[in-house]
Amino acid sequence: MKSRQTENHTLGPLLKVLMNRVWTEVLFVPGSIAYLPDLIKNGDSSYGIESYDPAMIDGKQPAIAIDVPQKTRDMACISLDYPVPPVGLGNPTLTVENLKLLNLHAVERKGGLSFPPGYKVTGTVTFGLLNGKKLPLKLESQQVKADNYEFSQVCCVPKSQGGSDCVKKFANTGTGYFDATISDATGTAIITINTEKLCVDTIDQIKLTILPKNLEIKFTINQDGGPIGKEGMLAFAKAAVETGIAHNEVQHSINNLLNSKDLRDNMVKIINKAIEGILPSVRTQFGK
């Protein structure tokens, strides 16, 4: 008989009790069979559960455009090589790469579960807390002080001052490294339940939300700044970091990690381990 995974049905009483007990009595209770913080930090080879603390975000993340004022774009294009001052053409782009996320295991449940249609379960957690104590998430280079971001501005040498026709285009690029400290973040997961096997089928999505007030960025730049000088490049880097990294890229990079197939599969194993431990007592409760 096929499992009735349709958009119009919610979980029955047994599965709701099961998932609520997993949520309140297992995943966030120290010493339980499936204490989530310990399993994120240490893994469990007997269940094929990997450690994700630290978690590596390898390679370059997709470049994003940074919305900065025209005067900031122009500042990145300063050059004495042309009779007409170059101007910034379009928004600069920012790329981050080879990051390491620390303290992902510092997580506590936030409120109860909800049960939307489609045999779904939704739960929300707080990152940056462990047993009531603050333990911020940290995002940094995989190698100490290695470059982990790059920004680039396309520049236009106009035919005449104020003109829009370019006689030449070139790009000024800066690289450096940043560290991010996230004191508090909220994560929401949407889970699909297999109603025949009484287990988690998939984790559909994990969404991390960081408020700007809970994010601290420290950065440096590893070059002299070329024609615009060290101070000019630092000023441009500050705009790139504060606008791009702080407002977009930290959250985006962590969400990419949380929604990777490997991590979501790992979380499925953890929750199913919790279900395995508590299912017999729930069956007894329902006389099954």
Protein backbone atom coordinates (compact mmCIF):
# COMPACT_ATOMS: atom_id res chain seq x y z
CA MET A 1 0.00 0.00 0.00
CA LYS A 2 1.40 3.40 -0.97
CA SER A 3 2.03 6.09 1.59
CA ARG A 4 -0.55 8.87 1.22
CA GLN A 5 1.96 11.74 0.89
CA THR A 6 -0.48 14.35 -0.45
CA GLU A 7 -0.77 18.07 -0.03
CA ASN A 8 -4.15 17.82 1.68
CA HIS A 9 -3.40 15.54 4.62
CA THR A 10 -1.73 16.26 7.95
CA LEU A 11 -0.19 13.80 10.36
CA GLY A 12 -2.44 11.62 12.51
CA PRO A 13 -2.49 11.66 16.34
CA LEU A 14 0.20 8.98 16.80
CA LEU A 15 2.72 10.69 14.56
CA LYS A 16 2.03 14.09 16.09
CA VAL A 17 2.64 12.70 19.58
CA LEU A 18 5.75 10.90 18.32
CA MET A 19 7.28 13.99 16.74
CA ASN A 20 6.38 16.22 19.70
CA ARG A 21 8.07 13.80 22.09
CA VAL A 22 11.14 13.59 19.85
CA TRP A 23 11.23 17.39 19.87
CA THR A 24 10.75 17.91 23.61
CA GLU A 25 12.17 14.72 25.18
CA VAL A 26 15.05 13.62 22.94
CA LEU A 27 16.74 15.99 20.50
CA PHE A 28 17.50 18.75 23.00
CA VAL A 29 17.85 16.73 26.22
CA PRO A 30 21.48 16.07 27.28
CA GLY A 31 22.21 12.37 27.68
CA SER A 32 19.32 11.23 25.46
CA ILE A 33 19.75 8.65 22.72
CA ALA A 34 19.89 11.39 20.07
CA TYR A 35 21.02 14.64 21.72
CA LEU A 36 21.30 16.92 18.69
CA PRO A 37 24.24 19.11 19.85
CA ASP A 38 26.42 16.06 20.61
CA LEU A 39 25.57 14.38 17.31
CA ILE A 40 26.32 17.55 15.31
CA LYS A 41 29.64 17.93 17.12
CA ASN A 42 30.81 14.31 17.37
CA GLY A 43 28.72 12.30 14.91
CA ASP A 44 27.87 8.62 15.45
CA SER A 45 29.56 6.11 13.15
CA SER A 46 27.14 3.32 14.11
CA TYR A 47 24.32 5.30 12.48
CA GLY A 48 26.46 6.80 9.70
CA ILE A 49 26.12 10.25 11.26
CA GLU A 50 29.00 12.62 10.45
CA SER A 51 30.37 15.46 12.56
CA TYR A 52 29.56 18.97 11.32
CA ASP A 53 31.51 21.05 13.79
CA PRO A 54 33.56 22.53 12.31
CA ALA A 55 31.66 22.48 9.02
CA MET A 56 33.57 23.30 5.85
CA ILE A 57 32.15 25.43 3.05
CA ASP A 58 34.54 24.56 0.25
CA GLY A 59 35.25 26.43 -2.95
CA LYS A 60 33.89 29.70 -4.25
CA GLN A 61 30.31 30.68 -3.54
CA PRO A 62 28.34 32.29 -6.40
CA ALA A 63 29.24 35.96 -6.91
CA ILE A 64 26.69 38.52 -5.73
CA ALA A 65 26.23 42.12 -6.84
CA ILE A 66 26.66 44.74 -4.12
CA ASP A 67 24.44 47.80 -4.19
CA VAL A 68 26.75 50.71 -3.34
CA PRO A 69 26.59 54.44 -4.21
CA GLN A 70 28.13 55.63 -7.49
CA LYS A 71 30.83 57.57 -5.62
CA THR A 72 31.96 54.30 -4.01
CA ARG A 73 32.15 52.62 -7.42
CA ASP A 74 34.12 55.55 -8.79
CA MET A 75 36.52 55.42 -5.86
CA ALA A 76 37.48 51.87 -6.85
CA CYS A 77 38.37 53.08 -10.34
CA ILE A 78 40.72 55.96 -9.49
CA SER A 79 43.65 56.04 -11.91
CA LEU A 80 46.14 58.69 -13.07
CA ASP A 81 46.74 56.90 -16.37
CA TYR A 82 43.90 58.53 -18.29
CA PRO A 83 43.07 62.15 -19.18
CA VAL A 84 39.45 61.59 -18.16
CA PRO A 85 38.86 60.02 -14.71
CA PRO A 86 37.46 56.47 -14.93
CA VAL A 87 34.07 55.76 -13.36
CA GLY A 88 32.52 52.62 -11.89
CA LEU A 89 30.34 50.74 -14.35
CA GLY A 90 27.51 48.91 -12.62
CA ASN A 91 27.63 47.42 -9.14
CA PRO A 92 30.75 45.66 -7.87
CA THR A 93 30.59 41.92 -7.26
CA LEU A 94 31.62 39.96 -4.19
CA THR A 95 32.66 36.32 -3.87
CA VAL A 96 33.53 34.41 -0.69
CA GLU A 97 35.33 31.07 -0.59
CA ASN A 98 36.80 28.30 1.56
CA LEU A 99 34.99 29.09 4.80
CA LYS A 100 34.79 27.24 8.10
CA LEU A 101 31.73 27.37 10.36
CA LEU A 102 32.31 26.78 14.07
CA ASN A 103 29.86 26.03 16.91
CA LEU A 104 27.03 24.76 14.75
CA HIS A 105 26.30 22.35 17.63
CA ALA A 106 25.23 25.30 19.84
CA VAL A 107 21.53 24.91 19.16
CA GLU A 108 18.35 24.90 21.25
CA ARG A 109 14.72 24.39 20.34
CA LYS A 110 12.52 27.45 20.05
CA GLY A 111 8.84 26.82 20.72
CA GLY A 112 6.86 23.81 19.59
CA LEU A 113 6.27 22.06 16.30
CA SER A 114 3.64 22.82 13.70
CA PHE A 115 2.06 20.33 11.31
CA PRO A 116 1.18 21.87 7.93
CA PRO A 117 -0.57 19.84 5.20
CA GLY A 118 1.39 17.35 3.15
CA TYR A 119 2.55 15.24 6.11
CA LYS A 120 4.98 18.00 7.02
CA VAL A 121 6.53 19.02 10.31
CA THR A 122 8.02 22.47 10.91
CA GLY A 123 10.35 23.27 13.81
CA THR A 124 12.41 26.30 14.76
CA VAL A 125 15.71 26.42 16.65
CA THR A 126 18.02 29.08 18.02
CA PHE A 127 21.71 28.92 17.07
CA GLY A 128 24.29 30.46 19.40
CA LEU A 129 22.93 28.91 22.61
CA LEU A 130 23.88 25.66 24.34
CA ASN A 131 22.17 24.68 27.57
CA GLY A 132 21.22 28.30 28.16
CA LYS A 133 24.75 29.62 27.67
CA LYS A 134 25.86 31.80 24.76
CA LEU A 135 28.19 30.15 22.25
CA PRO A 136 28.20 32.24 19.06
CA LEU A 137 28.53 30.81 15.58
CA LYS A 138 31.81 31.80 13.93
CA LEU A 139 32.55 31.94 10.21
CA GLU A 140 36.19 32.26 9.18
CA SER A 141 38.85 31.12 6.71
CA GLN A 142 39.68 27.44 6.61
CA GLN A 143 43.35 28.43 6.84
CA VAL A 144 44.45 31.10 9.32
CA LYS A 145 44.38 34.54 7.71
CA ALA A 146 43.99 33.08 4.22
CA ASP A 147 42.00 35.14 1.73
CA ASN A 148 38.32 34.23 1.82
CA TYR A 149 36.69 37.04 -0.15
CA GLU A 150 37.23 38.89 -3.40
CA PHE A 151 35.47 41.93 -4.77
CA SER A 152 35.72 43.40 -8.25
CA GLN A 153 34.59 46.65 -9.85
CA VAL A 154 34.33 47.10 -13.61
CA CYS A 155 35.60 50.54 -14.60
CA CYS A 156 34.89 52.69 -17.63
CA VAL A 157 37.23 55.28 -19.14
CA PRO A 158 34.73 57.68 -20.76
CA LYS A 159 35.42 59.58 -23.96
CA SER A 160 34.56 62.77 -22.12
CA GLN A 161 33.81 63.76 -18.56
CA GLY A 162 30.20 62.85 -17.75
CA GLY A 163 29.89 60.81 -20.95
CA SER A 164 28.56 57.25 -21.11
CA ASP A 165 30.66 55.93 -24.02
CA CYS A 166 33.76 54.05 -22.86
CA VAL A 167 37.04 54.12 -24.74
CA LYS A 168 38.31 51.40 -22.42
CA LYS A 169 37.06 49.10 -19.68
CA PHE A 170 39.09 47.45 -16.95
CA ALA A 171 38.48 45.82 -13.57
CA ASN A 172 39.98 46.63 -10.19
CA THR A 173 39.96 43.69 -7.80
CA GLY A 174 40.66 43.37 -4.10
CA THR A 175 41.07 40.33 -1.89
CA GLY A 176 41.25 39.83 1.85
CA TYR A 177 39.87 37.82 4.72
CA PHE A 178 37.02 38.31 7.16
CA ASP A 179 35.79 36.72 10.36
CA ALA A 180 32.11 36.80 11.29
CA THR A 181 30.65 36.26 14.75
CA ILE A 182 26.92 35.50 14.95
CA SER A 183 25.63 35.85 18.48
CA ASP A 184 22.11 34.68 17.70
CA ALA A 185 20.36 33.19 14.68
CA THR A 186 17.08 31.42 14.00
CA GLY A 187 16.81 28.26 11.94
CA THR A 188 13.57 26.76 10.63
CA ALA A 189 13.34 23.28 9.13
CA ILE A 190 10.54 21.76 7.06
CA ILE A 191 10.40 17.95 7.27
CA THR A 192 8.36 15.37 5.37
CA ILE A 193 7.27 12.24 7.29
CA ASN A 194 6.92 8.76 5.82
CA THR A 195 3.60 7.75 7.37
CA GLU A 196 4.00 4.04 6.59
CA LYS A 197 7.47 3.59 8.05
CA LEU A 198 6.91 6.14 10.85
CA CYS A 199 10.14 7.97 10.15
CA VAL A 200 11.47 11.12 8.52
CA ASP A 201 11.51 10.80 4.75
CA THR A 202 13.29 14.05 3.85
CA ILE A 203 14.28 17.41 5.24
CA ASP A 204 12.89 19.68 2.56
CA GLN A 205 14.51 22.93 3.64
CA ILE A 206 16.52 24.54 6.42
CA LYS A 207 16.43 28.33 6.54
CA LEU A 208 18.77 30.40 8.71
CA THR A 209 17.88 34.01 9.52
CA ILE A 210 20.41 36.45 11.02
CA LEU A 211 19.45 39.91 12.23
CA PRO A 212 22.12 42.56 11.48
CA LYS A 213 22.37 43.47 15.18
CA ASN A 214 23.54 39.91 15.93
CA LEU A 215 26.35 39.90 13.36
CA GLU A 216 29.85 41.30 13.87
CA ILE A 217 32.31 41.42 10.96
CA LYS A 218 36.07 41.95 11.19
CA PHE A 219 38.07 42.15 7.98
CA THR A 220 41.38 43.06 6.43
CA ILE A 221 42.78 43.38 2.92
CA ASN A 222 45.96 41.71 1.79
CA GLN A 223 47.31 44.08 -0.85
CA ASP A 224 48.43 47.66 -1.32
CA GLY A 225 45.38 48.74 -3.28
CA GLY A 226 47.16 49.43 -6.56
CA PRO A 227 46.47 52.82 -8.13
CA ILE A 228 43.82 53.83 -5.58
CA GLY A 229 46.19 53.14 -2.69
CA LYS A 230 45.82 51.15 0.50
CA GLU A 231 43.42 53.64 2.13
CA GLY A 232 41.23 53.86 -0.95
CA MET A 233 41.05 50.09 -1.32
CA LEU A 234 40.31 49.69 2.40
CA ALA A 235 37.45 52.16 2.11
CA PHE A 236 36.07 50.27 -0.87
CA ALA A 237 36.57 46.95 0.92
CA LYS A 238 34.68 48.34 3.92
CA ALA A 239 31.72 49.15 1.68
CA ALA A 240 31.94 45.72 0.05
CA VAL A 241 32.16 43.86 3.34
CA GLU A 242 29.50 45.84 5.21
CA THR A 243 27.04 45.81 2.33
CA GLY A 244 27.80 42.44 0.79
CA ILE A 245 29.11 40.15 3.47
CA ALA A 246 27.15 41.50 6.42
CA HIS A 247 23.82 41.89 4.64
CA ASN A 248 23.89 38.92 2.30
CA GLU A 249 26.83 36.62 2.04
CA VAL A 250 27.18 35.27 5.59
CA GLN A 251 23.56 34.17 5.73
CA HIS A 252 23.64 32.96 2.11
CA SER A 253 26.80 30.86 2.63
CA ILE A 254 25.51 29.21 5.81
CA ASN A 255 22.15 28.46 4.18
CA ASN A 256 23.96 26.81 1.27
CA LEU A 257 25.75 24.59 3.78
CA LEU A 258 22.61 23.77 5.77
CA ASN A 259 20.74 22.83 2.60
CA SER A 260 23.49 20.66 1.13
CA LYS A 261 22.28 17.11 0.51
CA ASP A 262 24.93 15.62 2.82
CA LEU A 263 23.96 17.76 5.81
CA ARG A 264 20.22 17.30 5.31
CA ASP A 265 20.69 13.53 4.98
CA ASN A 266 22.73 13.64 8.19
CA MET A 267 19.91 15.43 10.01
CA VAL A 268 17.42 12.82 8.76
CA LYS A 269 19.58 10.10 10.34
CA ILE A 270 19.72 12.01 13.64
CA ILE A 271 15.95 12.50 13.86
CA ASN A 272 15.28 8.90 12.85
CA LYS A 273 17.66 7.74 15.57
CA ALA A 274 15.56 9.77 18.04
CA ILE A 275 12.34 8.26 16.64
CA GLU A 276 13.77 4.75 16.99
CA GLY A 277 14.43 5.37 20.68
CA ILE A 278 10.98 6.69 21.59
CA LEU A 279 8.66 4.88 19.14
CA PRO A 280 8.06 1.78 21.32
CA SER A 281 6.64 3.86 24.20
CA VAL A 282 4.44 5.84 21.81
CA ARG A 283 3.10 2.60 20.29
CA THR A 284 2.30 1.38 23.81
CA GLN A 285 0.58 4.70 24.57
CA PHE A 286 -1.70 4.15 21.54
CA GLY A 287 -2.14 0.42 22.18
CA LYS A 288 -0.27 -0.61 19.03
